[in-house]
PDB file of all heavy atoms in Angstrom:
ATOM      1  N   LEU A   1      -9.952   0.988  16.521  1.00  0.00           N
ATOM      2  CA  LEU A   1      -9.576   0.295  15.302  1.00  0.00           C
ATOM      3  C   LEU A   1      -9.580   1.197  14.083  1.00  0.00           C
ATOM      4  O   LEU A   1      -8.825   0.964  13.141  1.00  0.00           O
ATOM      5  CB  LEU A   1     -10.489  -0.906  15.064  1.00  0.00           C
ATOM      6  CG  LEU A   1     -10.033  -2.229  15.672  1.00  0.00           C
ATOM      7  CD1 LEU A   1     -10.020  -2.162  17.192  1.00  0.00           C
ATOM      8  CD2 LEU A   1     -10.923  -3.357  15.194  1.00  0.00           C
ATOM      9  N   SER A   2     -10.404   2.209  14.072  1.00  0.00           N
ATOM     10  CA  SER A   2     -10.490   3.117  12.939  1.00  0.00           C
ATOM     11  C   SER A   2      -9.452   4.225  12.994  1.00  0.00           C
ATOM     12  O   SER A   2      -9.269   4.947  12.013  1.00  0.00           O
ATOM     13  CB  SER A   2     -11.891   3.715  12.831  1.00  0.00           C
ATOM     14  OG  SER A   2     -12.190   4.520  13.963  1.00  0.00           O
ATOM     15  N   ARG A   3      -8.777   4.357  14.104  1.00  0.00           N
ATOM     16  CA  ARG A   3      -7.827   5.449  14.296  1.00  0.00           C
ATOM     17  C   ARG A   3      -6.387   4.996  14.470  1.00  0.00           C
ATOM     18  O   ARG A   3      -5.489   5.841  14.520  1.00  0.00           O
ATOM     19  CB  ARG A   3      -8.232   6.278  15.518  1.00  0.00           C
ATOM     20  CG  ARG A   3      -9.549   7.005  15.370  1.00  0.00           C
ATOM     21  CD  ARG A   3      -9.905   7.743  16.650  1.00  0.00           C
ATOM     22  NE  ARG A   3     -11.152   8.485  16.524  1.00  0.00           N
ATOM     23  CZ  ARG A   3     -11.234   9.754  16.148  1.00  0.00           C
ATOM     24  NH1 ARG A   3     -10.131  10.446  15.870  1.00  0.00           N
ATOM     25  NH2 ARG A   3     -12.415  10.339  16.057  1.00  0.00           N
ATOM     26  N   ASN A   4      -6.162   3.700  14.568  1.00  0.00           N
ATOM     27  CA  ASN A   4      -4.838   3.205  14.914  1.00  0.00           C
ATOM     28  C   ASN A   4      -4.433   2.008  14.081  1.00  0.00           C
ATOM     29  O   ASN A   4      -5.265   1.198  13.672  1.00  0.00           O
ATOM     30  CB  ASN A   4      -4.790   2.798  16.392  1.00  0.00           C
ATOM     31  CG  ASN A   4      -5.029   3.953  17.328  1.00  0.00           C
ATOM     32  OD1 ASN A   4      -4.095   4.663  17.691  1.00  0.00           O
ATOM     33  ND2 ASN A   4      -6.277   4.137  17.728  1.00  0.00           N
ATOM     34  N   VAL A   5      -3.148   1.918  13.841  1.00  0.00           N
ATOM     35  CA  VAL A   5      -2.569   0.658  13.399  1.00  0.00           C
ATOM     36  C   VAL A   5      -2.658  -0.312  14.570  1.00  0.00           C
ATOM     37  O   VAL A   5      -2.379   0.053  15.711  1.00  0.00           O
ATOM     38  CB  VAL A   5      -1.111   0.844  12.970  1.00  0.00           C
ATOM     39  CG1 VAL A   5      -0.455  -0.500  12.684  1.00  0.00           C
ATOM     40  CG2 VAL A   5      -1.034   1.758  11.755  1.00  0.00           C
ATOM     41  N   MET A   6      -3.064  -1.530  14.294  1.00  0.00           N
ATOM     42  CA  MET A   6      -3.197  -2.535  15.325  1.00  0.00           C
ATOM     43  C   MET A   6      -2.109  -3.584  15.163  1.00  0.00           C
ATOM     44  O   MET A   6      -1.859  -4.065  14.054  1.00  0.00           O
ATOM     45  CB  MET A   6      -4.573  -3.195  15.272  1.00  0.00           C
ATOM     46  CG  MET A   6      -5.736  -2.225  15.411  1.00  0.00           C
ATOM     47  SD  MET A   6      -5.702  -1.260  16.951  1.00  0.00           S
ATOM     48  CE  MET A   6      -5.874  -2.563  18.175  1.00  0.00           C
ATOM     49  N   ASN A   7      -1.493  -3.923  16.271  1.00  0.00           N
ATOM     50  CA  ASN A   7      -0.380  -4.863  16.259  1.00  0.00           C
ATOM     51  C   ASN A   7      -0.558  -5.922  17.336  1.00  0.00           C
ATOM     52  O   ASN A   7      -1.224  -5.700  18.348  1.00  0.00           O
ATOM     53  CB  ASN A   7       0.947  -4.148  16.518  1.00  0.00           C
ATOM     54  CG  ASN A   7       1.243  -3.067  15.511  1.00  0.00           C
ATOM     55  OD1 ASN A   7       1.297  -3.328  14.312  1.00  0.00           O
ATOM     56  ND2 ASN A   7       1.462  -1.845  15.989  1.00  0.00           N
ATOM     57  N   TRP A   8       0.058  -7.048  17.087  1.00  0.00           N
ATOM     58  CA  TRP A   8       0.271  -8.049  18.114  1.00  0.00           C
ATOM     59  C   TRP A   8       1.764  -8.149  18.395  1.00  0.00           C
ATOM     60  O   TRP A   8       2.567  -8.294  17.470  1.00  0.00           O
ATOM     61  CB  TRP A   8      -0.254  -9.425  17.690  1.00  0.00           C
ATOM     62  CG  TRP A   8      -1.735  -9.546  17.734  1.00  0.00           C
ATOM     63  CD1 TRP A   8      -2.607  -9.396  16.707  1.00  0.00           C
ATOM     64  CD2 TRP A   8      -2.531  -9.858  18.883  1.00  0.00           C
ATOM     65  NE1 TRP A   8      -3.897  -9.598  17.130  1.00  0.00           N
ATOM     66  CE2 TRP A   8      -3.874  -9.881  18.472  1.00  0.00           C
ATOM     67  CE3 TRP A   8      -2.231 -10.122  20.222  1.00  0.00           C
ATOM     68  CZ2 TRP A   8      -4.929 -10.158  19.345  1.00  0.00           C
ATOM     69  CZ3 TRP A   8      -3.276 -10.390  21.092  1.00  0.00           C
ATOM     70  CH2 TRP A   8      -4.596 -10.409  20.650  1.00  0.00           C
ATOM     71  N   TYR A   9       2.110  -8.039  19.646  1.00  0.00           N
ATOM     72  CA  TYR A   9       3.463  -8.261  20.117  1.00  0.00           C
ATOM     73  C   TYR A   9       3.478  -9.495  21.008  1.00  0.00           C
ATOM     74  O   TYR A   9       2.439  -9.955  21.475  1.00  0.00           O
ATOM     75  CB  TYR A   9       3.970  -7.072  20.929  1.00  0.00           C
ATOM     76  CG  TYR A   9       4.372  -5.856  20.137  1.00  0.00           C
ATOM     77  CD1 TYR A   9       3.427  -4.964  19.657  1.00  0.00           C
ATOM     78  CD2 TYR A   9       5.721  -5.580  19.891  1.00  0.00           C
ATOM     79  CE1 TYR A   9       3.802  -3.834  18.945  1.00  0.00           C
ATOM     80  CE2 TYR A   9       6.102  -4.456  19.184  1.00  0.00           C
ATOM     81  CZ  TYR A   9       5.137  -3.590  18.718  1.00  0.00           C
ATOM     82  OH  TYR A   9       5.517  -2.460  18.017  1.00  0.00           O
ATOM     83  N   ARG A  10       4.666  -9.998  21.245  1.00  0.00           N
ATOM     84  CA  ARG A  10       4.808 -11.072  22.210  1.00  0.00           C
ATOM     85  C   ARG A  10       6.131 -10.916  22.945  1.00  0.00           C
ATOM     86  O   ARG A  10       7.070 -10.315  22.441  1.00  0.00           O
ATOM     87  CB  ARG A  10       4.734 -12.451  21.553  1.00  0.00           C
ATOM     88  CG  ARG A  10       5.905 -12.787  20.640  1.00  0.00           C
ATOM     89  CD  ARG A  10       5.670 -14.121  19.942  1.00  0.00           C
ATOM     90  NE  ARG A  10       6.779 -14.490  19.080  1.00  0.00           N
ATOM     91  CZ  ARG A  10       6.755 -15.533  18.261  1.00  0.00           C
ATOM     92  NH1 ARG A  10       5.678 -16.317  18.190  1.00  0.00           N
ATOM     93  NH2 ARG A  10       7.824 -15.802  17.506  1.00  0.00           N
ATOM     94  N   GLN A  11       6.168 -11.457  24.134  1.00  0.00           N
ATOM     95  CA  GLN A  11       7.378 -11.435  24.922  1.00  0.00           C
ATOM     96  C   GLN A  11       7.531 -12.765  25.640  1.00  0.00           C
ATOM     97  O   GLN A  11       6.695 -13.142  26.455  1.00  0.00           O
ATOM     98  CB  GLN A  11       7.376 -10.293  25.931  1.00  0.00           C
ATOM     99  CG  GLN A  11       8.699 -10.123  26.663  1.00  0.00           C
ATOM    100  CD  GLN A  11       8.808  -8.794  27.378  1.00  0.00           C
ATOM    101  OE1 GLN A  11       7.803  -8.147  27.667  1.00  0.00           O
ATOM    102  NE2 GLN A  11      10.032  -8.374  27.667  1.00  0.00           N
ATOM    103  N   ALA A  12       8.595 -13.458  25.308  1.00  0.00           N
ATOM    104  CA  ALA A  12       8.925 -14.710  25.952  1.00  0.00           C
ATOM    105  C   ALA A  12       9.862 -14.439  27.119  1.00  0.00           C
ATOM    106  O   ALA A  12      10.557 -13.412  27.148  1.00  0.00           O
ATOM    107  CB  ALA A  12       9.578 -15.670  24.963  1.00  0.00           C
ATOM    108  N   PRO A  13       9.909 -15.334  28.095  1.00  0.00           N
ATOM    109  CA  PRO A  13      10.802 -15.131  29.236  1.00  0.00           C
ATOM    110  C   PRO A  13      12.246 -14.920  28.798  1.00  0.00           C
ATOM    111  O   PRO A  13      12.776 -15.681  27.991  1.00  0.00           O
ATOM    112  CB  PRO A  13      10.654 -16.425  30.037  1.00  0.00           C
ATOM    113  CG  PRO A  13       9.288 -16.923  29.681  1.00  0.00           C
ATOM    114  CD  PRO A  13       9.105 -16.558  28.238  1.00  0.00           C
ATOM    115  N   GLY A  14      12.859 -13.875  29.324  1.00  0.00           N
ATOM    116  CA  GLY A  14      14.243 -13.583  29.019  1.00  0.00           C
ATOM    117  C   GLY A  14      14.489 -12.961  27.663  1.00  0.00           C
ATOM    118  O   GLY A  14      15.643 -12.770  27.278  1.00  0.00           O
ATOM    119  N   LYS A  15      13.428 -12.647  26.933  1.00  0.00           N
ATOM    120  CA  LYS A  15      13.573 -12.073  25.606  1.00  0.00           C
ATOM    121  C   LYS A  15      12.902 -10.709  25.531  1.00  0.00           C
ATOM    122  O   LYS A  15      12.054 -10.372  26.341  1.00  0.00           O
ATOM    123  CB  LYS A  15      12.979 -13.001  24.547  1.00  0.00           C
ATOM    124  CG  LYS A  15      13.672 -14.349  24.426  1.00  0.00           C
ATOM    125  CD  LYS A  15      13.076 -15.165  23.301  1.00  0.00           C
ATOM    126  CE  LYS A  15      13.783 -16.494  23.150  1.00  0.00           C
ATOM    127  NZ  LYS A  15      13.197 -17.299  22.041  1.00  0.00           N
ATOM    128  N   GLN A  16      13.310  -9.942  24.545  1.00  0.00           N
ATOM    129  CA  GLN A  16      12.707  -8.642  24.314  1.00  0.00           C
ATOM    130  C   GLN A  16      11.325  -8.794  23.693  1.00  0.00           C
ATOM    131  O   GLN A  16      11.019  -9.799  23.053  1.00  0.00           O
ATOM    132  CB  GLN A  16      13.593  -7.794  23.400  1.00  0.00           C
ATOM    133  CG  GLN A  16      14.927  -7.391  24.001  1.00  0.00           C
ATOM    134  CD  GLN A  16      15.714  -6.490  23.076  1.00  0.00           C
ATOM    135  OE1 GLN A  16      15.647  -6.617  21.855  1.00  0.00           O
ATOM    136  NE2 GLN A  16      16.466  -5.565  23.662  1.00  0.00           N
ATOM    137  N   ARG A  17      10.504  -7.791  23.917  1.00  0.00           N
ATOM    138  CA  ARG A  17       9.206  -7.751  23.272  1.00  0.00           C
ATOM    139  C   ARG A  17       9.389  -7.711  21.762  1.00  0.00           C
ATOM    140  O   ARG A  17      10.203  -6.947  21.238  1.00  0.00           O
ATOM    141  CB  ARG A  17       8.429  -6.535  23.759  1.00  0.00           C
ATOM    142  CG  ARG A  17       6.997  -6.469  23.272  1.00  0.00           C
ATOM    143  CD  ARG A  17       6.300  -5.255  23.853  1.00  0.00           C
ATOM    144  NE  ARG A  17       6.977  -4.025  23.486  1.00  0.00           N
ATOM    145  CZ  ARG A  17       6.684  -2.826  23.979  1.00  0.00           C
ATOM    146  NH1 ARG A  17       5.720  -2.705  24.885  1.00  0.00           N
ATOM    147  NH2 ARG A  17       7.354  -1.756  23.576  1.00  0.00           N
ATOM    148  N   GLU A  18       8.626  -8.512  21.067  1.00  0.00           N
ATOM    149  CA  GLU A  18       8.784  -8.705  19.639  1.00  0.00           C
ATOM    150  C   GLU A  18       7.484  -8.402  18.912  1.00  0.00           C
ATOM    151  O   GLU A  18       6.418  -8.870  19.306  1.00  0.00           O
ATOM    152  CB  GLU A  18       9.207 -10.158  19.366  1.00  0.00           C
ATOM    153  CG  GLU A  18       9.254 -10.561  17.913  1.00  0.00           C
ATOM    154  CD  GLU A  18       9.440 -12.050  17.724  1.00  0.00           C
ATOM    155  OE1 GLU A  18       9.112 -12.816  18.663  1.00  0.00           O
ATOM    156  OE2 GLU A  18       9.921 -12.457  16.653  1.00  0.00           O
ATOM    157  N   LEU A  19       7.591  -7.635  17.850  1.00  0.00           N
ATOM    158  CA  LEU A  19       6.435  -7.401  16.990  1.00  0.00           C
ATOM    159  C   LEU A  19       6.154  -8.656  16.184  1.00  0.00           C
ATOM    160  O   LEU A  19       7.020  -9.143  15.451  1.00  0.00           O
ATOM    161  CB  LEU A  19       6.682  -6.216  16.062  1.00  0.00           C
ATOM    162  CG  LEU A  19       5.585  -5.906  15.045  1.00  0.00           C
ATOM    163  CD1 LEU A  19       4.282  -5.534  15.747  1.00  0.00           C
ATOM    164  CD2 LEU A  19       6.021  -4.778  14.114  1.00  0.00           C
ATOM    165  N   VAL A  20       4.956  -9.172  16.306  1.00  0.00           N
ATOM    166  CA  VAL A  20       4.566 -10.399  15.635  1.00  0.00           C
ATOM    167  C   VAL A  20       3.830 -10.115  14.336  1.00  0.00           C
ATOM    168  O   VAL A  20       4.132 -10.695  13.287  1.00  0.00           O
ATOM    169  CB  VAL A  20       3.687 -11.268  16.557  1.00  0.00           C
ATOM    170  CG1 VAL A  20       3.199 -12.511  15.825  1.00  0.00           C
ATOM    171  CG2 VAL A  20       4.457 -11.645  17.814  1.00  0.00           C
ATOM    172  N   ALA A  21       2.851  -9.247  14.402  1.00  0.00           N
ATOM    173  CA  ALA A  21       2.024  -8.946  13.243  1.00  0.00           C
ATOM    174  C   ALA A  21       1.369  -7.598  13.429  1.00  0.00           C
ATOM    175  O   ALA A  21       1.147  -7.151  14.555  1.00  0.00           O
ATOM    176  CB  ALA A  21       0.960 -10.030  13.028  1.00  0.00           C
ATOM    177  N   GLY A  22       1.056  -6.957  12.339  1.00  0.00           N
ATOM    178  CA  GLY A  22       0.359  -5.691  12.377  1.00  0.00           C
ATOM    179  C   GLY A  22      -0.574  -5.552  11.200  1.00  0.00           C
ATOM    180  O   GLY A  22      -0.378  -6.187  10.159  1.00  0.00           O
ATOM    181  N   VAL A  23      -1.591  -4.737  11.375  1.00  0.00           N
ATOM    182  CA  VAL A  23      -2.521  -4.444  10.296  1.00  0.00           C
ATOM    183  C   VAL A  23      -2.767  -2.942  10.277  1.00  0.00           C
ATOM    184  O   VAL A  23      -3.033  -2.331  11.312  1.00  0.00           O
ATOM    185  CB  VAL A  23      -3.836  -5.253  10.431  1.00  0.00           C
ATOM    186  CG1 VAL A  23      -4.540  -4.955  11.751  1.00  0.00           C
ATOM    187  CG2 VAL A  23      -4.756  -4.984   9.247  1.00  0.00           C
ATOM    188  N   THR A  24      -2.643  -2.343   9.097  1.00  0.00           N
ATOM    189  CA  THR A  24      -2.776  -0.908   8.954  1.00  0.00           C
ATOM    190  C   THR A  24      -4.236  -0.495   8.875  1.00  0.00           C
ATOM    191  O   THR A  24      -5.138  -1.326   8.821  1.00  0.00           O
ATOM    192  CB  THR A  24      -2.048  -0.420   7.701  1.00  0.00           C
ATOM    193  OG1 THR A  24      -2.741  -0.896   6.539  1.00  0.00           O
ATOM    194  CG2 THR A  24      -0.609  -0.918   7.666  1.00  0.00           C
ATOM    195  N   LEU A  25      -4.457   0.820   8.858  1.00  0.00           N
ATOM    196  CA  LEU A  25      -5.812   1.336   8.715  1.00  0.00           C
ATOM    197  C   LEU A  25      -6.457   0.864   7.419  1.00  0.00           C
ATOM    198  O   LEU A  25      -7.670   0.675   7.360  1.00  0.00           O
ATOM    199  CB  LEU A  25      -5.806   2.860   8.765  1.00  0.00           C
ATOM    200  CG  LEU A  25      -5.395   3.489  10.098  1.00  0.00           C
ATOM    201  CD1 LEU A  25      -5.270   4.996   9.953  1.00  0.00           C
ATOM    202  CD2 LEU A  25      -6.396   3.135  11.188  1.00  0.00           C
ATOM    203  N   ALA A  26      -5.640   0.673   6.395  1.00  0.00           N
ATOM    204  CA  ALA A  26      -6.137   0.217   5.106  1.00  0.00           C
ATOM    205  C   ALA A  26      -6.297  -1.295   5.029  1.00  0.00           C
ATOM    206  O   ALA A  26      -6.763  -1.805   4.012  1.00  0.00           O
ATOM    207  CB  ALA A  26      -5.221   0.693   3.984  1.00  0.00           C
ATOM    208  N   GLY A  27      -5.905  -1.996   6.080  1.00  0.00           N
ATOM    209  CA  GLY A  27      -6.057  -3.437   6.109  1.00  0.00           C
ATOM    210  C   GLY A  27      -4.858  -4.220   5.643  1.00  0.00           C
ATOM    211  O   GLY A  27      -4.943  -5.444   5.512  1.00  0.00           O
ATOM    212  N   ARG A  28      -3.746  -3.551   5.397  1.00  0.00           N
ATOM    213  CA  ARG A  28      -2.545  -4.250   4.978  1.00  0.00           C
ATOM    214  C   ARG A  28      -1.901  -4.933   6.182  1.00  0.00           C
ATOM    215  O   ARG A  28      -1.677  -4.309   7.213  1.00  0.00           O
ATOM    216  CB  ARG A  28      -1.556  -3.283   4.343  1.00  0.00           C
ATOM    217  CG  ARG A  28      -0.321  -3.958   3.764  1.00  0.00           C
ATOM    218  CD  ARG A  28       0.666  -2.920   3.265  1.00  0.00           C
ATOM    219  NE  ARG A  28       0.083  -2.111   2.202  1.00  0.00           N
ATOM    220  CZ  ARG A  28       0.150  -2.415   0.908  1.00  0.00           C
ATOM    221  NH1 ARG A  28       0.789  -3.509   0.516  1.00  0.00           N
ATOM    222  NH2 ARG A  28      -0.404  -1.614   0.010  1.00  0.00           N
ATOM    223  N   ALA A  29      -1.595  -6.199   6.039  1.00  0.00           N
ATOM    224  CA  ALA A  29      -1.028  -6.991   7.118  1.00  0.00           C
ATOM    225  C   ALA A  29       0.466  -7.182   6.928  1.00  0.00           C
ATOM    226  O   ALA A  29       0.953  -7.322   5.799  1.00  0.00           O
ATOM    227  CB  ALA A  29      -1.719  -8.346   7.203  1.00  0.00           C
ATOM    228  N   ASN A  30       1.174  -7.190   8.030  1.00  0.00           N
ATOM    229  CA  ASN A  30       2.608  -7.431   8.034  1.00  0.00           C
ATOM    230  C   ASN A  30       2.931  -8.429   9.130  1.00  0.00           C
ATOM    231  O   ASN A  30       2.268  -8.461  10.169  1.00  0.00           O
ATOM    232  CB  ASN A  30       3.386  -6.133   8.267  1.00  0.00           C
ATOM    233  CG  ASN A  30       3.136  -5.104   7.189  1.00  0.00           C
ATOM    234  OD1 ASN A  30       3.640  -5.221   6.080  1.00  0.00           O
ATOM    235  ND2 ASN A  30       2.347  -4.090   7.516  1.00  0.00           N
ATOM    236  N   TYR A  31       3.975  -9.228   8.896  1.00  0.00           N
ATOM    237  CA  TYR A  31       4.314 -10.290   9.825  1.00  0.00           C
ATOM    238  C   TYR A  31       5.808 -10.369  10.052  1.00  0.00           C
ATOM    239  O   TYR A  31       6.606 -10.112   9.150  1.00  0.00           O
ATOM    240  CB  TYR A  31       3.829 -11.644   9.309  1.00  0.00           C
ATOM    241  CG  TYR A  31       2.352 -11.698   9.066  1.00  0.00           C
ATOM    242  CD1 TYR A  31       1.834 -11.445   7.799  1.00  0.00           C
ATOM    243  CD2 TYR A  31       1.475 -11.993  10.101  1.00  0.00           C
ATOM    244  CE1 TYR A  31       0.469 -11.481   7.573  1.00  0.00           C
ATOM    245  CE2 TYR A  31       0.111 -12.032   9.887  1.00  0.00           C
ATOM    246  CZ  TYR A  31      -0.386 -11.777   8.617  1.00  0.00           C
ATOM    247  OH  TYR A  31      -1.737 -11.812   8.396  1.00  0.00           O
ATOM    248  N   ALA A  32       6.162 -10.753  11.264  1.00  0.00           N
ATOM    249  CA  ALA A  32       7.538 -11.098  11.527  1.00  0.00           C
ATOM    250  C   ALA A  32       7.890 -12.369  10.775  1.00  0.00           C
ATOM    251  O   ALA A  32       7.044 -13.246  10.569  1.00  0.00           O
ATOM    252  CB  ALA A  32       7.761 -11.293  13.027  1.00  0.00           C
ATOM    253  N   ASP A  33       9.136 -12.463  10.365  1.00  0.00           N
ATOM    254  CA  ASP A  33       9.560 -13.639   9.614  1.00  0.00           C
ATOM    255  C   ASP A  33       9.287 -14.938  10.372  1.00  0.00           C
ATOM    256  O   ASP A  33       8.970 -15.964   9.768  1.00  0.00           O
ATOM    257  CB  ASP A  33      11.044 -13.546   9.274  1.00  0.00           C
ATOM    258  CG  ASP A  33      11.334 -12.511   8.205  1.00  0.00           C
ATOM    259  OD1 ASP A  33      10.400 -12.116   7.484  1.00  0.00           O
ATOM    260  OD2 ASP A  33      12.509 -12.110   8.093  1.00  0.00           O
ATOM    261  N   ALA A  34       9.402 -14.895  11.690  1.00  0.00           N
ATOM    262  CA  ALA A  34       9.248 -16.096  12.489  1.00  0.00           C
ATOM    263  C   ALA A  34       7.841 -16.673  12.437  1.00  0.00           C
ATOM    264  O   ALA A  34       7.655 -17.865  12.706  1.00  0.00           O
ATOM    265  CB  ALA A  34       9.638 -15.814  13.943  1.00  0.00           C
ATOM    266  N   VAL A  35       6.858 -15.852  12.104  1.00  0.00           N
ATOM    267  CA  VAL A  35       5.473 -16.321  12.100  1.00  0.00           C
ATOM    268  C   VAL A  35       4.831 -16.249  10.727  1.00  0.00           C
ATOM    269  O   VAL A  35       3.677 -16.664  10.567  1.00  0.00           O
ATOM    270  CB  VAL A  35       4.616 -15.534  13.109  1.00  0.00           C
ATOM    271  CG1 VAL A  35       5.247 -15.574  14.486  1.00  0.00           C
ATOM    272  CG2 VAL A  35       4.411 -14.092  12.645  1.00  0.00           C
ATOM    273  N   LYS A  36       5.549 -15.740   9.761  1.00  0.00           N
ATOM    274  CA  LYS A  36       5.003 -15.600   8.414  1.00  0.00           C
ATOM    275  C   LYS A  36       4.547 -16.954   7.885  1.00  0.00           C
ATOM    276  O   LYS A  36       5.231 -17.955   8.049  1.00  0.00           O
ATOM    277  CB  LYS A  36       6.051 -14.976   7.504  1.00  0.00           C
ATOM    278  CG  LYS A  36       5.525 -14.468   6.179  1.00  0.00           C
ATOM    279  CD  LYS A  36       6.579 -13.637   5.459  1.00  0.00           C
ATOM    280  CE  LYS A  36       6.949 -12.397   6.267  1.00  0.00           C
ATOM    281  NZ  LYS A  36       7.959 -11.554   5.570  1.00  0.00           N
ATOM    282  N   ASP A  37       3.400 -16.973   7.261  1.00  0.00           N
ATOM    283  CA  ASP A  37       2.778 -18.164   6.686  1.00  0.00           C
ATOM    284  C   ASP A  37       2.134 -19.066   7.724  1.00  0.00           C
ATOM    285  O   ASP A  37       1.541 -20.094   7.375  1.00  0.00           O
ATOM    286  CB  ASP A  37       3.752 -18.980   5.836  1.00  0.00           C
ATOM    287  CG  ASP A  37       4.325 -18.190   4.675  1.00  0.00           C
ATOM    288  OD1 ASP A  37       3.585 -17.399   4.066  1.00  0.00           O
ATOM    289  OD2 ASP A  37       5.525 -18.370   4.372  1.00  0.00           O
ATOM    290  N   ARG A  38       2.245 -18.701   9.005  1.00  0.00           N
ATOM    291  CA  ARG A  38       1.594 -19.469  10.056  1.00  0.00           C
ATOM    292  C   ARG A  38       0.530 -18.671  10.797  1.00  0.00           C
ATOM    293  O   ARG A  38      -0.477 -19.216  11.218  1.00  0.00           O
ATOM    294  CB  ARG A  38       2.622 -19.992  11.062  1.00  0.00           C
ATOM    295  CG  ARG A  38       3.647 -20.933  10.453  1.00  0.00           C
ATOM    296  CD  ARG A  38       4.496 -21.588  11.548  1.00  0.00           C
ATOM    297  NE  ARG A  38       5.267 -20.605  12.296  1.00  0.00           N
ATOM    298  CZ  ARG A  38       5.137 -20.373  13.602  1.00  0.00           C
ATOM    299  NH1 ARG A  38       4.254 -21.057  14.327  1.00  0.00           N
ATOM    300  NH2 ARG A  38       5.902 -19.471  14.202  1.00  0.00           N
TER     301      ARG A  38
END
């Protein structure tokens, strides 16, 4: 956790792997539009 950006991905059947959310070393969070605010 101290050396890497951490991400959550997901993959639904028949779909490509999708980046869902990530958090940087500094704690900045980013979200895919599909999950933003949820």
